Protein backbone atom coordinates (compact mmCIF):
# COMPACT_ATOMS: atom_id res chain seq x y z
CA MET A 1 26.95 -1.59 20.77
CA PRO A 2 25.74 -3.38 23.22
CA TYR A 3 23.45 -6.83 21.65
CA ARG A 4 20.62 -6.08 25.06
CA SER A 5 19.75 -2.71 25.80
CA PRO A 6 20.66 -0.72 29.07
CA GLY A 7 18.41 -2.59 31.78
CA ALA A 8 16.42 -5.12 30.13
CA PRO A 9 16.00 -8.09 31.51
CA LYS A 10 18.28 -11.29 30.49
CA GLY A 11 16.89 -14.54 28.82
CA ALA A 12 15.52 -15.39 25.46
CA LYS A 13 11.64 -15.46 27.23
CA SER A 14 11.75 -11.62 28.00
CA PHE A 15 12.22 -10.78 24.31
CA LEU A 16 8.17 -11.48 24.06
CA ALA A 17 7.25 -9.71 27.39
CA GLY A 18 6.75 -6.35 25.88
CA GLN A 19 3.34 -4.86 24.76
CA PRO A 20 1.37 -5.72 21.79
CA ILE A 21 1.43 -4.04 18.93
CA ARG A 22 -2.24 -3.16 17.93
CA TYR A 23 -3.49 -1.22 14.61
CA TYR A 24 -3.44 2.67 15.20
CA ARG A 25 -6.67 4.29 14.39
CA PRO A 26 -6.77 7.70 13.72
CA LYS A 27 -9.53 10.45 15.23
CA GLY A 28 -9.02 13.02 13.36
CA SER A 29 -7.19 15.02 16.39
CA ALA A 30 -7.41 18.95 16.57
CA ALA A 31 -4.48 18.92 17.93
CA VAL A 32 -2.75 17.37 15.23
CA ARG A 33 -4.00 19.38 12.38
CA HIS A 34 -3.02 22.56 14.88
CA LEU A 35 0.54 21.76 15.26
CA ILE A 36 0.65 20.84 11.63
CA ASP A 37 -0.55 24.06 10.44
CA GLU A 38 0.91 26.54 13.21
CA GLY A 39 4.06 24.65 14.27
CA PHE A 40 5.53 22.89 11.27
CA GLN A 41 6.87 26.00 9.49
CA ALA A 42 9.96 24.99 7.77
CA PHE A 43 12.02 22.04 6.53
CA ASN A 44 10.57 18.62 6.23
CA ALA A 45 7.84 19.80 8.76
CA ALA A 46 6.72 22.71 6.39
CA ARG A 47 7.05 19.58 3.49
CA LEU A 48 4.62 17.78 5.49
CA GLY A 49 2.25 20.14 6.24
CA GLU A 50 2.25 20.56 2.45
CA ALA A 51 1.59 17.28 1.50
CA CYS A 52 -1.38 17.22 4.38
CA ARG A 53 -2.88 19.86 2.81
CA ILE A 54 -2.70 19.00 -0.98
CA TYR A 55 -3.66 16.29 0.16
CA SER A 56 -7.14 17.44 2.36
CA ASP A 57 -7.86 20.54 0.84
CA LYS A 58 -7.22 19.76 -2.88
CA MET A 59 -7.45 15.34 -3.83
CA LEU A 60 -10.04 14.90 -1.46
CA SER A 61 -12.14 17.80 -2.72
CA LYS A 62 -15.10 16.86 -4.43
CA GLN A 63 -15.00 19.21 -6.38
CA HIS A 64 -11.81 17.90 -8.53
CA ASP A 65 -12.75 14.20 -7.76
CA THR A 66 -9.56 12.41 -7.80
CA THR A 67 -8.61 8.71 -7.80
CA ILE A 68 -6.11 7.79 -5.10
CA ALA A 69 -3.67 5.49 -5.09
CA LEU A 70 -1.96 4.95 -1.89
CA THR A 71 1.66 2.30 -2.08
CA ILE A 72 3.08 0.79 0.38
CA ALA A 73 7.00 -0.13 1.09
CA GLY A 74 8.53 -0.67 4.31
CA ALA A 75 7.23 -2.54 7.37
CA MET A 76 4.70 -0.91 7.63
CA THR A 77 1.90 -3.30 8.86
CA PRO A 78 4.43 -4.47 11.85
CA ALA A 79 4.27 -1.44 13.07
CA GLY A 80 0.64 -0.87 13.41
CA LEU A 81 0.03 1.28 10.59
CA GLY A 82 -2.32 -1.11 9.10
CA GLY A 83 -5.21 0.66 10.91
CA CYS A 84 -4.23 4.60 9.21
CA VAL A 85 -4.86 2.54 6.36
CA ILE A 86 -8.42 0.90 7.06
CA SER A 87 -9.81 4.08 8.23
CA LEU A 88 -8.91 5.77 4.97
CA MET A 89 -10.67 3.03 3.22
CA ALA A 90 -13.51 3.13 5.32
CA ARG A 91 -13.75 7.04 4.42
CA GLY A 92 -13.40 6.38 1.07
CA LEU A 93 -9.93 8.60 1.19
CA ILE A 94 -8.17 5.88 -0.87
CA ASP A 95 -9.28 4.61 -4.10
CA PHE A 96 -7.04 1.47 -4.94
CA ILE A 97 -3.11 0.30 -2.93
CA ILE A 98 -0.43 -0.88 -3.95
CA SER A 99 1.62 -2.42 -1.50
CA THR A 100 4.50 -4.67 -1.02
CA GLY A 101 3.20 -8.77 -0.40
CA ALA A 102 5.16 -8.61 3.11
CA ASN A 103 2.59 -5.75 4.48
CA LEU A 104 0.10 -7.85 2.99
CA TYR A 105 1.48 -11.03 4.74
CA HIS A 106 1.94 -9.91 8.00
CA ASP A 107 -1.61 -7.57 8.08
CA LEU A 108 -2.84 -11.29 8.26
CA HIS A 109 -1.45 -11.51 11.81
CA TYR A 110 -3.68 -9.33 13.22
CA ALA A 111 -6.62 -11.01 11.27
CA LEU A 112 -5.43 -14.32 13.08
CA ASN A 113 -5.63 -13.05 16.03
CA PHE A 114 -1.54 -13.22 16.50
CA THR A 115 0.54 -11.19 18.61
CA LEU A 116 3.44 -9.07 17.67
CA ARG A 117 5.18 -7.42 20.33
CA ARG A 118 7.20 -4.33 21.28
CA GLY A 119 10.65 -5.02 21.62
CA SER A 120 14.52 -3.47 20.98
CA PRO A 121 16.75 -3.64 18.12
CA PHE A 122 19.53 -4.17 20.33
CA VAL A 123 19.55 -8.23 21.20
CA ASP A 124 21.70 -11.52 20.33
CA ASP A 125 19.67 -12.78 17.05
CA ARG A 126 21.49 -15.86 17.85
CA VAL A 127 19.42 -16.16 20.69
CA LEU A 128 16.89 -15.10 18.97
CA TYR A 129 17.00 -17.69 16.53
CA ARG A 130 17.92 -20.61 19.01
CA GLU A 131 14.74 -19.33 20.84
CA GLY A 132 12.44 -19.23 17.54
CA VAL A 133 12.00 -15.71 18.33
CA ILE A 134 11.38 -13.44 14.70
CA ARG A 135 12.69 -10.02 14.69
CA ILE A 136 11.63 -6.81 11.92
CA TYR A 137 14.03 -3.83 13.70
CA ASP A 138 12.29 -3.57 17.23
CA VAL A 139 9.18 -5.87 16.39
CA LEU A 140 9.77 -9.24 18.09
CA PHE A 141 6.98 -12.40 17.42
CA PRO A 142 7.06 -16.20 17.78
CA ALA A 143 8.53 -17.88 14.48
CA GLN A 144 5.24 -19.56 15.19
CA VAL A 145 3.10 -16.78 13.65
CA LEU A 146 4.77 -17.51 10.41
CA LEU A 147 3.88 -21.37 10.35
CA ASP A 148 0.65 -20.93 11.92
CA THR A 149 0.19 -17.89 8.81
CA ASP A 150 1.02 -20.13 6.19
CA THR A 151 -0.49 -23.04 7.08
CA PHE A 152 -3.95 -20.38 7.03
CA ILE A 153 -2.99 -19.10 3.80
CA ARG A 154 -2.56 -22.21 2.11
CA ASP A 155 -5.59 -23.75 3.51
CA PHE A 156 -7.52 -20.75 1.94
CA LEU A 157 -5.68 -21.56 -1.59
CA VAL A 158 -7.04 -25.27 -1.50
CA LYS A 159 -10.61 -24.00 0.14
CA SER A 160 -10.82 -21.17 -2.70
CA GLY A 161 -10.72 -23.25 -5.89
CA MET A 162 -8.88 -20.72 -7.87
CA GLU A 163 -7.09 -21.67 -10.69
CA GLY A 164 -5.45 -20.32 -14.04
CA PRO A 165 -4.14 -16.89 -13.84
CA VAL A 166 -5.78 -14.19 -11.80
CA SER A 167 -4.72 -10.35 -10.80
CA SER A 168 -3.21 -10.07 -7.74
CA ALA A 169 -6.38 -8.00 -6.80
CA ASP A 170 -8.58 -11.12 -7.47
CA LEU A 171 -6.23 -13.10 -5.04
CA HIS A 172 -6.77 -10.40 -2.61
CA GLU A 173 -10.14 -9.97 -2.58
CA ALA A 174 -10.62 -13.33 -2.35
CA LEU A 175 -8.48 -14.02 0.67
CA GLY A 176 -10.26 -10.75 2.08
CA ARG A 177 -13.57 -12.73 1.67
CA HIS A 178 -12.45 -15.92 3.47
CA LEU A 179 -11.22 -13.84 6.03
CA LEU A 180 -14.51 -11.94 6.80
CA LYS A 181 -16.49 -15.72 6.65
CA VAL A 182 -14.01 -17.36 9.02
CA ARG A 183 -13.24 -14.42 11.55
CA PRO A 184 -16.25 -12.27 11.59
CA GLY A 185 -15.20 -8.37 12.43
CA CYS A 186 -11.89 -8.81 11.24
CA ALA A 187 -12.09 -6.07 8.69
CA SER A 188 -11.55 -3.52 11.66
CA TYR A 189 -7.95 -4.71 12.73
CA SER A 190 -6.99 -6.12 8.88
CA MET A 191 -6.38 -4.14 6.08
CA VAL A 192 -6.58 -7.21 3.62
CA ALA A 193 -10.60 -7.72 4.92
CA ALA A 194 -11.33 -4.16 4.77
CA ALA A 195 -10.61 -3.82 1.14
CA ALA A 196 -12.96 -6.78 0.46
CA ARG A 197 -15.58 -5.07 2.25
CA PHE A 198 -15.04 -1.52 0.98
CA GLY A 199 -14.37 -2.79 -2.67
CA VAL A 200 -10.60 -1.43 -2.66
CA PRO A 201 -8.36 -3.40 -4.94
CA ILE A 202 -4.67 -4.23 -3.40
CA TYR A 203 -2.33 -4.83 -5.74
CA THR A 204 1.52 -6.42 -5.08
CA SER A 205 3.83 -5.05 -7.67
CA SER A 206 6.01 -8.45 -6.98
CA PRO A 207 3.68 -11.23 -5.88
CA GLY A 208 6.65 -13.95 -5.94
CA ASP A 209 8.39 -11.58 -2.99
CA SER A 210 6.30 -12.35 0.04
CA SER A 211 5.48 -15.40 2.17
CA ILE A 212 2.36 -15.10 0.69
CA GLY A 213 3.52 -15.72 -3.05
CA MET A 214 5.64 -18.16 -1.30
CA ASN A 215 2.45 -20.44 -0.52
CA VAL A 216 1.16 -20.16 -3.71
CA ALA A 217 4.04 -21.46 -5.31
CA TYR A 218 3.85 -24.27 -2.41
CA HIS A 219 -0.12 -24.48 -3.96
CA GLU A 220 1.10 -25.16 -7.55
CA LEU A 221 4.33 -27.74 -6.71
CA ILE A 222 2.38 -29.71 -4.06
CA ASN A 223 -1.12 -29.46 -5.12
CA ARG A 224 -0.93 -29.17 -8.93
CA SER A 225 -2.88 -26.21 -8.89
CA THR A 226 -2.51 -23.89 -11.89
CA LEU A 227 -3.05 -20.66 -9.65
CA GLN A 228 -0.89 -17.65 -11.09
CA VAL A 229 -0.57 -14.51 -10.47
CA ASP A 230 -0.49 -12.68 -13.42
CA PRO A 231 1.06 -9.76 -14.04
CA ASN A 232 -0.29 -8.61 -17.22
CA GLN A 233 -3.71 -8.40 -15.61
CA ASP A 234 -2.44 -6.03 -12.65
CA VAL A 235 -0.91 -3.62 -15.47
CA ASN A 236 -4.09 -3.39 -17.41
CA GLU A 237 -6.34 -2.91 -14.29
CA VAL A 238 -4.05 -0.15 -13.05
CA CYS A 239 -3.96 1.15 -16.51
CA ALA A 240 -8.07 0.90 -17.03
CA ILE A 241 -8.19 2.74 -13.45
CA ILE A 242 -5.76 5.74 -14.01
CA ARG A 243 -7.35 6.24 -17.62
CA ALA A 244 -10.88 6.43 -16.33
CA ALA A 245 -10.30 8.92 -13.58
CA GLU A 246 -11.24 12.29 -13.89
CA LYS A 247 -7.72 13.60 -12.02
CA ASN A 248 -5.29 11.40 -10.45
CA GLY A 249 -3.47 11.45 -7.53
CA CYS A 250 -1.17 9.31 -5.51
CA VAL A 251 0.41 8.97 -1.61
CA ILE A 252 3.59 7.30 -1.79
CA LEU A 253 5.15 5.63 1.23
CA GLY A 254 8.65 4.77 1.16
CA GLY A 255 9.42 4.23 -2.32
CA GLY A 256 10.50 1.13 -4.15
CA SER A 257 8.57 -1.33 -6.24
CA PRO A 258 4.76 -0.68 -5.00
CA LYS A 259 6.12 3.43 -6.35
CA ASN A 260 7.30 2.45 -9.18
CA PHE A 261 4.32 0.34 -10.48
CA TYR A 262 1.94 2.74 -9.73
CA LEU A 263 3.71 5.54 -11.64
CA GLN A 264 4.40 3.31 -14.60
CA GLY A 265 1.08 3.41 -15.50
CA GLN A 266 1.10 6.85 -17.00
CA PRO A 267 4.02 5.74 -19.22
CA THR A 268 2.42 2.30 -20.13
CA LEU A 269 -0.98 4.94 -21.22
CA TRP A 270 1.59 7.17 -23.70
CA GLU A 271 4.00 4.96 -24.48
CA VAL A 272 2.75 1.57 -25.26
CA TYR A 273 -0.91 2.11 -25.72
CA GLY A 274 -0.80 5.22 -27.36
CA ILE A 275 -3.28 6.86 -25.09
CA LEU A 276 -2.19 10.48 -23.64
CA LYS A 277 -3.74 10.85 -20.52
CA GLY A 278 -1.43 13.84 -19.28
CA GLY A 279 0.40 12.58 -16.19
CA ASN A 280 -0.55 12.94 -11.98
CA ASP A 281 -2.28 15.51 -11.06
CA TYR A 282 -1.08 15.23 -7.58
CA PHE A 283 1.90 13.57 -5.90
CA ILE A 284 2.61 13.10 -1.98
CA GLN A 285 5.55 11.08 -0.91
CA ILE A 286 6.83 10.13 2.39
CA THR A 287 10.31 9.01 1.91
CA THR A 288 13.52 8.79 3.61
CA ASP A 289 15.94 8.43 0.48
CA SER A 290 17.26 10.87 -1.01
CA VAL A 291 17.31 12.15 -4.63
CA VAL A 292 21.19 11.78 -5.05
CA TRP A 293 21.56 8.40 -4.93
CA GLY A 294 19.53 7.74 -8.27
CA GLY A 295 17.07 5.55 -7.20
CA LEU A 296 13.61 5.01 -7.86
CA SER A 297 12.78 5.82 -4.30
CA GLY A 298 14.22 8.94 -4.23
CA ALA A 299 13.21 10.44 -7.70
CA THR A 300 11.30 13.76 -6.98
CA PRO A 301 7.97 14.48 -8.96
CA ALA A 302 9.92 16.87 -11.25
CA GLU A 303 11.70 13.75 -12.56
CA ALA A 304 8.88 12.19 -13.18
CA VAL A 305 7.72 14.95 -15.36
CA SER A 306 10.17 13.94 -17.98
CA TRP A 307 8.66 10.61 -18.18
CA GLY A 308 4.92 11.75 -18.55
CA LYS A 309 4.01 10.40 -14.95
CA VAL A 310 3.55 13.83 -13.46
CA ASN A 311 1.22 16.61 -15.41
CA PRO A 312 3.97 19.18 -15.87
CA GLY A 313 1.97 21.92 -14.81
CA VAL A 314 0.73 20.97 -11.47
CA LEU A 315 4.51 20.65 -9.89
CA PRO A 316 2.46 23.09 -6.97
CA ASP A 317 0.65 20.58 -6.40
CA THR A 318 3.39 17.96 -5.59
CA ALA A 319 5.45 17.62 -1.89
CA VAL A 320 7.87 15.41 -1.21
CA ALA A 321 8.68 15.01 2.85
CA TYR A 322 11.56 12.90 4.03
CA CYS A 323 10.51 11.68 7.17
CA ASP A 324 10.36 8.15 8.63
CA SER A 325 6.54 6.94 7.39
CA THR A 326 6.02 5.66 10.79
CA ILE A 327 6.28 8.97 11.93
CA ALA A 328 4.85 11.40 9.34
CA PHE A 329 1.71 8.96 8.45
CA PRO A 330 -0.09 8.96 11.47
CA LEU A 331 0.25 12.28 11.58
CA PHE A 332 -0.76 12.98 7.93
CA CYS A 333 -3.65 10.67 8.35
CA GLU A 334 -5.05 12.22 11.47
CA TYR A 335 -4.80 15.75 9.76
CA ALA A 336 -7.36 14.21 6.84
CA VAL A 337 -9.15 12.33 9.52
CA GLY A 338 -10.41 15.43 11.02
CA HIS A 339 -10.54 18.01 8.05
CA LYS A 340 -14.02 18.68 6.74
CA ASN A 341 -12.94 16.48 3.37
CA GLY A 342 -12.16 13.73 5.66
CA LYS A 343 -15.20 11.54 4.13
CA ARG A 344 -15.86 10.88 0.47
CA GLN A 345 -18.01 8.46 -0.89
CA ARG A 346 -16.31 5.08 -1.98
CA LYS A 347 -15.42 4.62 -5.56
CA ALA A 348 -15.40 1.02 -4.95
CA LEU A 349 -13.12 0.08 -7.99
CA LEU A 350 -13.14 -3.65 -7.19
CA GLY A 351 -15.78 -4.48 -9.09
CA GLN A 352 -15.62 -2.15 -11.85
CA ARG A 353 -12.30 -3.20 -12.84
CA ALA A 354 -14.11 -5.81 -15.84
CA GLN A 355 -15.74 -2.71 -17.54
CA LEU A 356 -12.51 -0.33 -17.07
CA VAL A 357 -10.23 -2.68 -18.88
CA ALA A 358 -12.80 -3.36 -21.24
CA GLU A 359 -13.10 0.39 -22.13
CA LEU A 360 -8.53 0.68 -22.46
CA GLU A 361 -8.95 -2.15 -24.98
CA LYS A 362 -11.62 -0.51 -26.85
CA GLU A 363 -9.61 2.75 -26.58
CA ALA A 364 -6.02 1.25 -27.37
CA ARG A 365 -7.70 -0.76 -30.56
CA ARG A 366 -9.14 2.63 -31.65
CA GLU A 367 -5.40 4.62 -30.87
CA ILE A 368 -3.99 1.73 -33.25
CA LYS A 369 -6.16 1.81 -36.27
CA LYS A 370 -5.36 5.98 -36.11
CA LYS A 371 -1.96 4.90 -36.58
CA ALA A 372 -2.75 2.67 -38.94
CA LYS A 373 -4.49 5.44 -40.98
CA ARG A 374 -1.79 7.94 -40.77
CA ASN A 375 1.02 5.14 -41.72
CA GLY A 376 -1.18 4.84 -44.59
């Protein structure tokens, strides 16, 4: 396999000559819906069709009032798929997000008007390193983009004045509002900014595992800040949102830590707090990981039933499509946006978290008293 794709021009500067990657915004294509309903008839094409119909016909139905989580793993924002997420948030089609920190960090490049470019994966990375070019498979951009984004985050942390333990949703809301202030209009091309505008909480399941977390650590070490992302607050907020929902459903891109962080909410309620919610009513996953390797990313909704993560009575309302998310998710979003249920009233959960956590605590304490009374 050659380092350089056949016919590619020589010279490191040519690596950044590709077209800019823009956030793709679905328009609700009738042709795509026709393709999925009529042409995707078997194998994983049919599974993707099932996922589209479960989401659009059932999860988005006003009759069912489902609180919908989107979990994001893999390099989705560098590939331009943040625009799909923005469209879903704007139309009220997702209610909260759990993402890798990396997706949120790379989303900031778009908010700051930095350019990521289409390229080739068949390049000599030693040359890229010497020339200061970063590669995410076939996405290429100058290393200076990282340095400038880091500078922006550190400046935000100082100006925010945030101290003490906060949830990751608090941090991302503050960052999103800062973006809206210093980059007016950026909600159309920043997932983090759009979430702050539309009242959608964004959590990250591993806050130290991204450049945002790296800069928070710098802020503590160098500026003696007490700001910390408190995972306990995240766990309780997600559990409180799940507990309060009439029905719960998820759309899982990839798998990994964001998938588990969301799905563990149901076991946390029954196993730890003694509150029986009954498991998710809908489960959709787009993944390339197979169940046979035993990893969480490939675990099926049927297996999740044993943990109380999925309601055992609703397995027909689950679908797993074994596809690349960068292919399947835009099709999924086109289908949903063009559907009759393609717009809902936004739940704006961002501003309800304190109340929902208070209600969770109240019920948990009632369960503790009931257990103590039973044990006499």
